[in-house]
PDB file of N, CA and C in Angstrom:
ATOM      1  N   UNK A   1     115.963 103.549 105.826  1.00  0.00           N
ATOM      2  CA  UNK A   1     116.573 102.029 105.418  1.00  0.00           C
ATOM      3  C   UNK A   1     116.834 101.284 104.626  1.00  0.00           C
ATOM      4  N   UNK A   2     117.828 100.690 103.985  1.00  0.00           N
ATOM      5  CA  UNK A   2     117.586  99.738 103.107  1.00  0.00           C
ATOM      6  C   UNK A   2     118.865  98.496 103.429  1.00  0.00           C
ATOM      7  N   UNK A   3     118.486  97.378 103.199  1.00  0.00           N
ATOM      8  CA  UNK A   3     119.892  96.355 103.844  1.00  0.00           C
ATOM      9  C   UNK A   3     119.530  95.704 102.460  1.00  0.00           C
ATOM     10  N   UNK A   4     120.580  94.803 101.972  1.00  0.00           N
ATOM     11  CA  UNK A   4     120.876  94.430 100.740  1.00  0.00           C
ATOM     12  C   UNK A   4     121.227  92.893 100.601  1.00  0.00           C
ATOM     13  N   UNK A   5     120.743  91.970  99.904  1.00  0.00           N
ATOM     14  CA  UNK A   5     120.847  90.580  99.687  1.00  0.00           C
ATOM     15  C   UNK A   5     121.259  90.012  98.509  1.00  0.00           C
ATOM     16  N   UNK A   6     121.839  88.626  97.578  1.00  0.00           N
ATOM     17  CA  UNK A   6     122.011  88.493  96.739  1.00  0.00           C
ATOM     18  C   UNK A   6     121.013  88.961  95.332  1.00  0.00           C
ATOM     19  N   UNK A   7     121.139  90.333  94.574  1.00  0.00           N
ATOM     20  CA  UNK A   7     120.573  90.547  93.598  1.00  0.00           C
ATOM     21  C   UNK A   7     119.174  91.245  94.295  1.00  0.00           C
ATOM     22  N   UNK A   8     118.792  91.496  95.540  1.00  0.00           N
ATOM     23  CA  UNK A   8     117.577  92.256  96.099  1.00  0.00           C
ATOM     24  C   UNK A   8     117.845  92.927  97.200  1.00  0.00           C
ATOM     25  N   UNK A   9     117.291  94.015  97.598  1.00  0.00           N
ATOM     26  CA  UNK A   9     117.150  95.231  98.533  1.00  0.00           C
ATOM     27  C   UNK A   9     115.576  94.936  98.932  1.00  0.00           C
ATOM     28  N   UNK A  10     115.950  94.896 100.466  1.00  0.00           N
ATOM     29  CA  UNK A  10     114.870  95.499 101.172  1.00  0.00           C
ATOM     30  C   UNK A  10     114.567  96.302 101.758  1.00  0.00           C
ATOM     31  N   UNK A  11     114.010  97.625 101.430  1.00  0.00           N
ATOM     32  CA  UNK A  11     113.846  99.465 101.419  1.00  0.00           C
ATOM     33  C   UNK A  11     112.662  99.037 103.063  1.00  0.00           C
ATOM     34  N   UNK A  12     113.008 100.169 103.546  1.00  0.00           N
ATOM     35  CA  UNK A  12     111.666 100.025 104.889  1.00  0.00           C
ATOM     36  C   UNK A  12     112.125 101.843 105.448  1.00  0.00           C
ATOM     37  N   UNK A  13     110.705 102.383 105.601  1.00  0.00           N
ATOM     38  CA  UNK A  13     110.883 103.414 105.777  1.00  0.00           C
ATOM     39  C   UNK A  13     109.572 104.049 107.005  1.00  0.00           C
ATOM     40  N   UNK A  14     109.249 105.071 107.166  1.00  0.00           N
ATOM     41  CA  UNK A  14     108.885 105.178 108.509  1.00  0.00           C
ATOM     42  C   UNK A  14     107.373 105.497 107.618  1.00  0.00           C
ATOM     43  N   UNK A  15     106.570 105.177 108.398  1.00  0.00           N
ATOM     44  CA  UNK A  15     104.858 105.063 107.812  1.00  0.00           C
ATOM     45  C   UNK A  15     104.676 105.978 108.027  1.00  0.00           C
ATOM     46  N   UNK A  16     103.893 106.625 106.989  1.00  0.00           N
ATOM     47  CA  UNK A  16     102.727 107.813 107.342  1.00  0.00           C
ATOM     48  C   UNK A  16     101.425 107.913 107.369  1.00  0.00           C
ATOM     49  N   UNK A  17     100.746 108.448 108.513  1.00  0.00           N
ATOM     50  CA  UNK A  17      99.444 108.288 108.945  1.00  0.00           C
ATOM     51  C   UNK A  17      98.593 108.865 107.785  1.00  0.00           C
ATOM     52  N   UNK A  18      97.719 107.786 107.839  1.00  0.00           N
ATOM     53  CA  UNK A  18      96.398 108.257 107.084  1.00  0.00           C
ATOM     54  C   UNK A  18      96.666 107.961 105.562  1.00  0.00           C
ATOM     55  N   UNK A  19      98.038 107.035 105.192  1.00  0.00           N
ATOM     56  CA  UNK A  19      98.755 106.996 104.036  1.00  0.00           C
ATOM     57  C   UNK A  19      97.802 105.634 103.348  1.00  0.00           C
ATOM     58  N   UNK A  20      96.977 105.475 102.444  1.00  0.00           N
ATOM     59  CA  UNK A  20      96.633 104.123 102.079  1.00  0.00           C
ATOM     60  C   UNK A  20      97.627 103.344 100.771  1.00  0.00           C
ATOM     61  N   UNK A  21      98.349 104.000 100.464  1.00  0.00           N
ATOM     62  CA  UNK A  21      99.852 103.079 100.246  1.00  0.00           C
ATOM     63  C   UNK A  21     101.319 103.543  99.540  1.00  0.00           C
ATOM     64  N   UNK A  22     102.029 103.186  98.894  1.00  0.00           N
ATOM     65  CA  UNK A  22     103.327 104.171  98.472  1.00  0.00           C
ATOM     66  C   UNK A  22     103.511 103.498  97.515  1.00  0.00           C
ATOM     67  N   UNK A  23     104.209 104.537  96.646  1.00  0.00           N
ATOM     68  CA  UNK A  23     105.045 104.071  95.477  1.00  0.00           C
ATOM     69  C   UNK A  23     106.310 104.196  95.956  1.00  0.00           C
ATOM     70  N   UNK A  24     107.213 103.004  94.868  1.00  0.00           N
ATOM     71  CA  UNK A  24     108.547 103.066  95.213  1.00  0.00           C
ATOM     72  C   UNK A  24     109.077 102.978  93.790  1.00  0.00           C
ATOM     73  N   UNK A  25     110.036 103.715  93.232  1.00  0.00           N
ATOM     74  CA  UNK A  25     110.496 104.240  91.872  1.00  0.00           C
ATOM     75  C   UNK A  25     111.741 103.583  92.005  1.00  0.00           C
ATOM     76  N   UNK A  26     112.474 103.104  91.024  1.00  0.00           N
ATOM     77  CA  UNK A  26     113.611 102.754  90.962  1.00  0.00           C
ATOM     78  C   UNK A  26     114.265 103.273  89.522  1.00  0.00           C
ATOM     79  N   UNK A  27     115.718 103.642  89.445  1.00  0.00           N
ATOM     80  CA  UNK A  27     116.236 103.986  88.470  1.00  0.00           C
ATOM     81  C   UNK A  27     117.823 103.923  88.926  1.00  0.00           C
ATOM     82  N   UNK A  28     118.762 103.835  88.247  1.00  0.00           N
ATOM     83  CA  UNK A  28     119.924 103.532  87.862  1.00  0.00           C
ATOM     84  C   UNK A  28     120.336 104.740  88.028  1.00  0.00           C
ATOM     85  N   UNK A  29     120.147 105.696  87.473  1.00  0.00           N
ATOM     86  CA  UNK A  29     120.791 107.545  87.539  1.00  0.00           C
ATOM     87  C   UNK A  29     119.926 107.494  88.913  1.00  0.00           C
ATOM     88  N   UNK A  30     121.180 108.513  89.581  1.00  0.00           N
ATOM     89  CA  UNK A  30     120.956 109.618  91.138  1.00  0.00           C
ATOM     90  C   UNK A  30     119.105 110.041  90.457  1.00  0.00           C
ATOM     91  N   UNK A  31     119.089 110.729  89.486  1.00  0.00           N
ATOM     92  CA  UNK A  31     118.092 112.031  89.469  1.00  0.00           C
ATOM     93  C   UNK A  31     116.044 110.852  89.626  1.00  0.00           C
ATOM     94  N   UNK A  32     116.760 109.606  89.829  1.00  0.00           N
ATOM     95  CA  UNK A  32     115.052 108.947  90.030  1.00  0.00           C
ATOM     96  C   UNK A  32     113.909 110.205  90.568  1.00  0.00           C
ATOM     97  N   UNK A  33     112.541 109.970  90.213  1.00  0.00           N
ATOM     98  CA  UNK A  33     111.417 110.418  90.554  1.00  0.00           C
ATOM     99  C   UNK A  33     110.257 110.021  89.791  1.00  0.00           C
ATOM    100  N   UNK A  34     109.349 110.710  90.197  1.00  0.00           N
ATOM    101  CA  UNK A  34     108.232 109.658  89.837  1.00  0.00           C
ATOM    102  C   UNK A  34     108.201 109.702  88.545  1.00  0.00           C
ATOM    103  N   UNK A  35     108.134 110.891  87.626  1.00  0.00           N
ATOM    104  CA  UNK A  35     108.302 111.249  86.333  1.00  0.00           C
ATOM    105  C   UNK A  35     109.629 110.386  85.658  1.00  0.00           C
ATOM    106  N   UNK A  36     111.035 109.811  86.236  1.00  0.00           N
ATOM    107  CA  UNK A  36     111.964 109.382  86.078  1.00  0.00           C
ATOM    108  C   UNK A  36     112.277 108.476  86.507  1.00  0.00           C
ATOM    109  N   UNK A  37     112.011 107.305  85.932  1.00  0.00           N
ATOM    110  CA  UNK A  37     112.166 106.356  86.595  1.00  0.00           C
ATOM    111  C   UNK A  37     112.512 105.407  85.881  1.00  0.00           C
ATOM    112  N   UNK A  38     112.926 103.864  86.014  1.00  0.00           N
ATOM    113  CA  UNK A  38     112.455 102.583  84.972  1.00  0.00           C
ATOM    114  C   UNK A  38     111.616 101.805  85.485  1.00  0.00           C
ATOM    115  N   UNK A  39     111.369 101.352  86.925  1.00  0.00           N
ATOM    116  CA  UNK A  39     110.829 100.944  87.188  1.00  0.00           C
ATOM    117  C   UNK A  39     109.419 101.842  88.160  1.00  0.00           C
ATOM    118  N   UNK A  40     108.386 100.974  88.523  1.00  0.00           N
ATOM    119  CA  UNK A  40     107.447 101.663  89.914  1.00  0.00           C
ATOM    120  C   UNK A  40     107.131 100.175  90.267  1.00  0.00           C
ATOM    121  N   UNK A  41     106.913 100.208  91.798  1.00  0.00           N
ATOM    122  CA  UNK A  41     106.091  98.905  92.206  1.00  0.00           C
ATOM    123  C   UNK A  41     105.427  99.738  93.261  1.00  0.00           C
ATOM    124  N   UNK A  42     104.196  99.232  93.714  1.00  0.00           N
ATOM    125  CA  UNK A  42     103.118  99.653  95.012  1.00  0.00           C
ATOM    126  C   UNK A  42     103.097  98.334  95.773  1.00  0.00           C
ATOM    127  N   UNK A  43     102.855  99.341  96.830  1.00  0.00           N
ATOM    128  CA  UNK A  43     102.838  98.632  98.296  1.00  0.00           C
ATOM    129  C   UNK A  43     101.844  99.412  99.406  1.00  0.00           C
ATOM    130  N   UNK A  44     100.583  98.546 100.186  1.00  0.00           N
ATOM    131  CA  UNK A  44     100.109  99.040 101.377  1.00  0.00           C
ATOM    132  C   UNK A  44     101.489  99.110 101.936  1.00  0.00           C
ATOM    133  N   UNK A  45     102.343  98.478 102.623  1.00  0.00           N
ATOM    134  CA  UNK A  45     103.084  98.343 103.372  1.00  0.00           C
ATOM    135  C   UNK A  45     104.375  99.406 103.236  1.00  0.00           C
ATOM    136  N   UNK A  46     104.845  99.176 104.597  1.00  0.00           N
ATOM    137  CA  UNK A  46     106.111 100.626 104.797  1.00  0.00           C
ATOM    138  C   UNK A  46     107.338  99.868 104.742  1.00  0.00           C
ATOM    139  N   UNK A  47     107.054  98.738 103.888  1.00  0.00           N
ATOM    140  CA  UNK A  47     108.570  98.230 103.111  1.00  0.00           C
ATOM    141  C   UNK A  47     108.308  97.468 102.163  1.00  0.00           C
ATOM    142  N   UNK A  48     109.374  97.065 101.647  1.00  0.00           N
ATOM    143  CA  UNK A  48     109.628  96.273 100.014  1.00  0.00           C
ATOM    144  C   UNK A  48     110.865  95.549  99.966  1.00  0.00           C
ATOM    145  N   UNK A  49     110.129  94.627  99.047  1.00  0.00           N
ATOM    146  CA  UNK A  49     111.699  93.850  99.043  1.00  0.00           C
ATOM    147  C   UNK A  49     111.782  93.781  97.404  1.00  0.00           C
ATOM    148  N   UNK A  50     112.831  94.238  96.944  1.00  0.00           N
ATOM    149  CA  UNK A  50     112.895  94.262  95.580  1.00  0.00           C
ATOM    150  C   UNK A  50     113.641  93.488  95.341  1.00  0.00           C
ATOM    151  N   UNK A  51     113.806  92.642  93.869  1.00  0.00           N
ATOM    152  CA  UNK A  51     114.378  91.374  93.552  1.00  0.00           C
ATOM    153  C   UNK A  51     114.784  91.633  92.050  1.00  0.00           C
ATOM    154  N   UNK A  52     115.675  90.868  91.415  1.00  0.00           N
ATOM    155  CA  UNK A  52     116.305  91.035  90.290  1.00  0.00           C
ATOM    156  C   UNK A  52     116.821  92.054  89.731  1.00  0.00           C
ATOM    157  N   UNK A  53     118.008  92.387  91.032  1.00  0.00           N
ATOM    158  CA  UNK A  53     118.869  93.268  90.924  1.00  0.00           C
ATOM    159  C   UNK A  53     120.076  92.685  90.019  1.00  0.00           C
ATOM    160  N   UNK A  54     121.001  93.307  89.639  1.00  0.00           N
ATOM    161  CA  UNK A  54     122.635  92.784  89.734  1.00  0.00           C
ATOM    162  C   UNK A  54     122.893  93.286  90.677  1.00  0.00           C
ATOM    163  N   UNK A  55     123.902  92.069  90.909  1.00  0.00           N
ATOM    164  CA  UNK A  55     124.962  92.807  91.506  1.00  0.00           C
ATOM    165  C   UNK A  55     126.385  93.807  91.086  1.00  0.00           C
ATOM    166  N   UNK A  56     126.464  94.416  91.867  1.00  0.00           N
ATOM    167  CA  UNK A  56     127.915  95.567  91.311  1.00  0.00           C
ATOM    168  C   UNK A  56     126.987  96.559  90.714  1.00  0.00           C
ATOM    169  N   UNK A  57     125.854  96.560  90.468  1.00  0.00           N
ATOM    170  CA  UNK A  57     125.129  98.010  90.038  1.00  0.00           C
ATOM    171  C   UNK A  57     124.217  99.032  90.987  1.00  0.00           C
ATOM    172  N   UNK A  58     124.986 100.300  90.810  1.00  0.00           N
ATOM    173  CA  UNK A  58     124.137 101.594  91.937  1.00  0.00           C
ATOM    174  C   UNK A  58     122.596 101.356  91.536  1.00  0.00           C
ATOM    175  N   UNK A  59     121.922 101.516  92.089  1.00  0.00           N
ATOM    176  CA  UNK A  59     120.305 101.470  92.209  1.00  0.00           C
ATOM    177  C   UNK A  59     119.966 103.006  93.206  1.00  0.00           C
ATOM    178  N   UNK A  60     119.284 103.544  92.691  1.00  0.00           N
ATOM    179  CA  UNK A  60     118.717 104.660  93.129  1.00  0.00           C
ATOM    180  C   UNK A  60     117.267 104.794  93.447  1.00  0.00           C
ATOM    181  N   UNK A  61     116.421 104.729  95.012  1.00  0.00           N
ATOM    182  CA  UNK A  61     115.025 104.706  95.090  1.00  0.00           C
ATOM    183  C   UNK A  61     114.456 105.816  95.582  1.00  0.00           C
ATOM    184  N   UNK A  62     113.138 105.952  95.245  1.00  0.00           N
ATOM    185  CA  UNK A  62     112.565 107.257  95.672  1.00  0.00           C
ATOM    186  C   UNK A  62     110.856 106.840  96.150  1.00  0.00           C
ATOM    187  N   UNK A  63     110.391 106.867  97.223  1.00  0.00           N
ATOM    188  CA  UNK A  63     109.230 106.664  97.871  1.00  0.00           C
ATOM    189  C   UNK A  63     108.332 107.427  98.166  1.00  0.00           C
ATOM    190  N   UNK A  64     107.426 107.613  97.826  1.00  0.00           N
ATOM    191  CA  UNK A  64     106.134 108.409  97.548  1.00  0.00           C
ATOM    192  C   UNK A  64     105.111 108.291  97.987  1.00  0.00           C
ATOM    193  N   UNK A  65     104.501 108.400  99.524  1.00  0.00           N
ATOM    194  CA  UNK A  65     103.384 108.001 100.119  1.00  0.00           C
ATOM    195  C   UNK A  65     101.769 108.807  99.225  1.00  0.00           C
ATOM    196  N   UNK A  66     100.899 107.407  98.854  1.00  0.00           N
ATOM    197  CA  UNK A  66      99.581 108.123  98.828  1.00  0.00           C
ATOM    198  C   UNK A  66      98.189 108.385  99.465  1.00  0.00           C
ATOM    199  N   UNK A  67      96.983 108.579  99.084  1.00  0.00           N
ATOM    200  CA  UNK A  67      95.849 108.568  99.808  1.00  0.00           C
ATOM    201  C   UNK A  67      94.976 107.862  99.297  1.00  0.00           C
ATOM    202  N   UNK A  68      95.229 107.489  98.057  1.00  0.00           N
ATOM    203  CA  UNK A  68      94.534 106.789  96.670  1.00  0.00           C
ATOM    204  C   UNK A  68      94.916 105.764  95.909  1.00  0.00           C
ATOM    205  N   UNK A  69      94.423 104.965  95.606  1.00  0.00           N
ATOM    206  CA  UNK A  69      94.896 104.271  94.329  1.00  0.00           C
ATOM    207  C   UNK A  69      94.812 104.877  93.283  1.00  0.00           C
TER     208      UNK A  69
END
């Protein structure tokens, strides 16, 4: 689930049992992934607020769960 505001997006996903954290990957191309991204952020929550985005630009996000950092 994603909600947007001016220059930001709040992304929320279902938590994964036993996950220690999540990595959120962003790209302006639809082939975003672990090895193909512009930026990556880590969080231990199942939601993330990503700021500094340009209004009118399409962004793609991928979230992965992991059990260690």
